[in-house]
Each structure stands twice: as C-alpha cells, then as structure tokens.
Amino acid sequence: MARNMVSHGVADCVMVVGFEKMFPGSLGSFFKDRTDPCATTGEMMAATRGRTDSPAAAQMFGNAGREYMEKYASRISQLEPESGSSS
C-alpha cells in the first residue's frame, strides 16, 4: 500500500511499521519432509570456518562479516566512530 501511494503521487514519503510474531528460542525448522534451505550454507560454513556452540544464525552473520572483511581488506577500526563525531 505504501509503495502504491508513493508511485501514484499520493504521498512523497511514507513510514511502514510491522511486526512478526516469533516463537521463543532459537529458530527451528517446521518442515521435516524436506531439506533445510540453509543446509548448503551450514555445510559450507562448517567446512570453511568450523562450528561452535553458538546459535547457527549468529555464526552465519558473524562469518559473513568476517568474509566481507577478508574480501575487501577492511578492519574493525573502520567500524568505530570517528573522534569528534556525535553518536
């Protein structure tokens, strides 16, 4: 609806708010009759980075950040706010 309002000129800017009801705890799979969509990613992650006792989602996000930093030669210091900046 928000996209239509902007694309038809009814509004210049809109704010969309939503929510998703989640079950408590770690994310799990509800479909036991098919391969988990993250299986290939999990296997690749285990082969390249290893696994820990941390939640799988946290490992995936953390390892994606590591891969980005390695690929683009970035450093943790680049994520820190510059001195004198307001934050």
C-alpha atoms as a PDB file:
ATOM      1  CA  MET A   1       0.000   0.000   0.000  1.00  0.00           C
ATOM      2  CA  ALA A   2       2.828   2.406   0.868  1.00  0.00           C
ATOM      3  CA  ARG A   3       4.573   1.684  -2.441  1.00  0.00           C
ATOM      4  CA  ASN A   4       1.389   2.420  -4.350  1.00  0.00           C
ATOM      5  CA  MET A   5       0.858   5.703  -2.527  1.00  0.00           C
ATOM      6  CA  VAL A   6       4.356   6.904  -3.458  1.00  0.00           C
ATOM      7  CA  SER A   7       4.264   5.568  -7.023  1.00  0.00           C
ATOM      8  CA  HIS A   8       0.888   7.231  -7.692  1.00  0.00           C
ATOM      9  CA  GLY A   9       1.927  10.569  -6.212  1.00  0.00           C
ATOM     10  CA  VAL A  10      -0.446  10.430  -3.249  1.00  0.00           C
ATOM     11  CA  ALA A  11       2.499  10.754  -0.844  1.00  0.00           C
ATOM     12  CA  ASP A  12       6.145  11.780  -1.165  1.00  0.00           C
ATOM     13  CA  CYS A  13       7.289   9.768   1.820  1.00  0.00           C
ATOM     14  CA  VAL A  14       5.626   7.064   3.916  1.00  0.00           C
ATOM     15  CA  MET A  15       6.554   5.164   7.049  1.00  0.00           C
ATOM     16  CA  VAL A  16       5.727   1.475   7.218  1.00  0.00           C
ATOM     17  CA  VAL A  17       5.568  -0.314  10.554  1.00  0.00           C
ATOM     18  CA  GLY A  18       5.069  -4.026  11.015  1.00  0.00           C
ATOM     19  CA  PHE A  19       5.884  -6.939  13.241  1.00  0.00           C
ATOM     20  CA  GLU A  20       6.414 -10.644  13.059  1.00  0.00           C
ATOM     21  CA  LYS A  21       5.303 -12.974  15.815  1.00  0.00           C
ATOM     22  CA  MET A  22       8.162 -15.300  16.652  1.00  0.00           C
ATOM     23  CA  PHE A  23       8.295 -18.441  18.725  1.00  0.00           C
ATOM     24  CA  PRO A  24      10.589 -18.321  21.764  1.00  0.00           C
ATOM     25  CA  GLY A  25      14.117 -19.696  21.464  1.00  0.00           C
ATOM     26  CA  SER A  26      16.343 -20.390  18.501  1.00  0.00           C
ATOM     27  CA  LEU A  27      14.943 -20.614  15.026  1.00  0.00           C
ATOM     28  CA  GLY A  28      13.966 -24.122  14.045  1.00  0.00           C
ATOM     29  CA  SER A  29      12.618 -25.951  11.041  1.00  0.00           C
ATOM     30  CA  PHE A  30       8.940 -26.843  10.846  1.00  0.00           C
ATOM     31  CA  PHE A  31       9.186 -28.938   7.706  1.00  0.00           C
ATOM     32  CA  LYS A  32      10.688 -32.351   8.408  1.00  0.00           C
ATOM     33  CA  ASP A  33       9.836 -33.725   4.934  1.00  0.00           C
ATOM     34  CA  ARG A  34      12.380 -31.637   3.004  1.00  0.00           C
ATOM     35  CA  THR A  35      15.947 -30.455   3.121  1.00  0.00           C
ATOM     36  CA  ASP A  36      16.600 -27.409   5.254  1.00  0.00           C
ATOM     37  CA  PRO A  37      17.105 -24.374   2.970  1.00  0.00           C
ATOM     38  CA  CYS A  38      20.191 -23.397   4.986  1.00  0.00           C
ATOM     39  CA  ALA A  39      21.795 -26.874   4.785  1.00  0.00           C
ATOM     40  CA  THR A  40      24.216 -25.970   1.986  1.00  0.00           C
ATOM     41  CA  THR A  41      25.181 -22.740   3.740  1.00  0.00           C
ATOM     42  CA  GLY A  42      25.699 -24.603   7.017  1.00  0.00           C
ATOM     43  CA  GLU A  43      27.870 -27.234   5.366  1.00  0.00           C
ATOM     44  CA  MET A  44      29.993 -24.584   3.646  1.00  0.00           C
ATOM     45  CA  MET A  45      30.322 -22.628   6.872  1.00  0.00           C
ATOM     46  CA  ALA A  46      31.388 -25.756   8.798  1.00  0.00           C
ATOM     47  CA  ALA A  47      33.962 -26.620   6.143  1.00  0.00           C
ATOM     48  CA  THR A  48      35.480 -23.134   5.942  1.00  0.00           C
ATOM     49  CA  ARG A  49      35.050 -21.702   9.466  1.00  0.00           C
ATOM     50  CA  GLY A  50      34.191 -24.640  11.690  1.00  0.00           C
ATOM     51  CA  ARG A  51      31.309 -24.720  14.136  1.00  0.00           C
ATOM     52  CA  THR A  52      30.899 -23.595  17.718  1.00  0.00           C
ATOM     53  CA  ASP A  53      28.184 -23.955  20.349  1.00  0.00           C
ATOM     54  CA  SER A  54      26.834 -20.522  19.392  1.00  0.00           C
ATOM     55  CA  PRO A  55      23.432 -20.318  17.669  1.00  0.00           C
ATOM     56  CA  ALA A  56      23.677 -21.071  13.939  1.00  0.00           C
ATOM     57  CA  ALA A  57      22.155 -17.708  12.924  1.00  0.00           C
ATOM     58  CA  ALA A  58      24.763 -15.812  14.966  1.00  0.00           C
ATOM     59  CA  GLN A  59      27.543 -17.863  13.363  1.00  0.00           C
ATOM     60  CA  MET A  60      26.193 -17.171   9.860  1.00  0.00           C
ATOM     61  CA  PHE A  61      26.027 -13.409  10.413  1.00  0.00           C
ATOM     62  CA  GLY A  62      29.409 -13.296  12.138  1.00  0.00           C
ATOM     63  CA  ASN A  63      31.084 -15.367   9.451  1.00  0.00           C
ATOM     64  CA  ALA A  64      29.513 -13.244   6.721  1.00  0.00           C
ATOM     65  CA  GLY A  65      31.103 -10.204   8.372  1.00  0.00           C
ATOM     66  CA  ARG A  66      34.470 -11.978   8.542  1.00  0.00           C
ATOM     67  CA  GLU A  67      34.267 -12.967   4.889  1.00  0.00           C
ATOM     68  CA  TYR A  68      33.432  -9.384   3.894  1.00  0.00           C
ATOM     69  CA  MET A  69      36.364  -8.054   5.901  1.00  0.00           C
ATOM     70  CA  GLU A  70      38.744 -10.561   4.305  1.00  0.00           C
ATOM     71  CA  LYS A  71      37.450  -9.951   0.785  1.00  0.00           C
ATOM     72  CA  TYR A  72      37.597  -6.145   0.999  1.00  0.00           C
ATOM     73  CA  ALA A  73      40.552  -5.846   3.398  1.00  0.00           C
ATOM     74  CA  SER A  74      38.549  -3.891   5.949  1.00  0.00           C
ATOM     75  CA  ARG A  75      39.415  -3.543   9.632  1.00  0.00           C
ATOM     76  CA  ILE A  76      37.417  -3.377  12.861  1.00  0.00           C
ATOM     77  CA  SER A  77      38.764   0.154  13.405  1.00  0.00           C
ATOM     78  CA  GLN A  78      36.821   1.272  10.326  1.00  0.00           C
ATOM     79  CA  LEU A  79      33.589   0.455  12.165  1.00  0.00           C
ATOM     80  CA  GLU A  80      34.438   2.646  15.129  1.00  0.00           C
ATOM     81  CA  PRO A  81      33.015   6.179  15.191  1.00  0.00           C
ATOM     82  CA  GLU A  82      35.422   8.927  14.229  1.00  0.00           C
ATOM     83  CA  SER A  83      36.649  11.120  17.053  1.00  0.00           C
ATOM     84  CA  GLY A  84      34.566  14.250  17.382  1.00  0.00           C
ATOM     85  CA  SER A  85      31.504  12.723  15.752  1.00  0.00           C
ATOM     86  CA  SER A  86      28.254  12.830  17.656  1.00  0.00           C
ATOM     87  CA  SER A  87      26.776   9.441  18.395  1.00  0.00           C
END
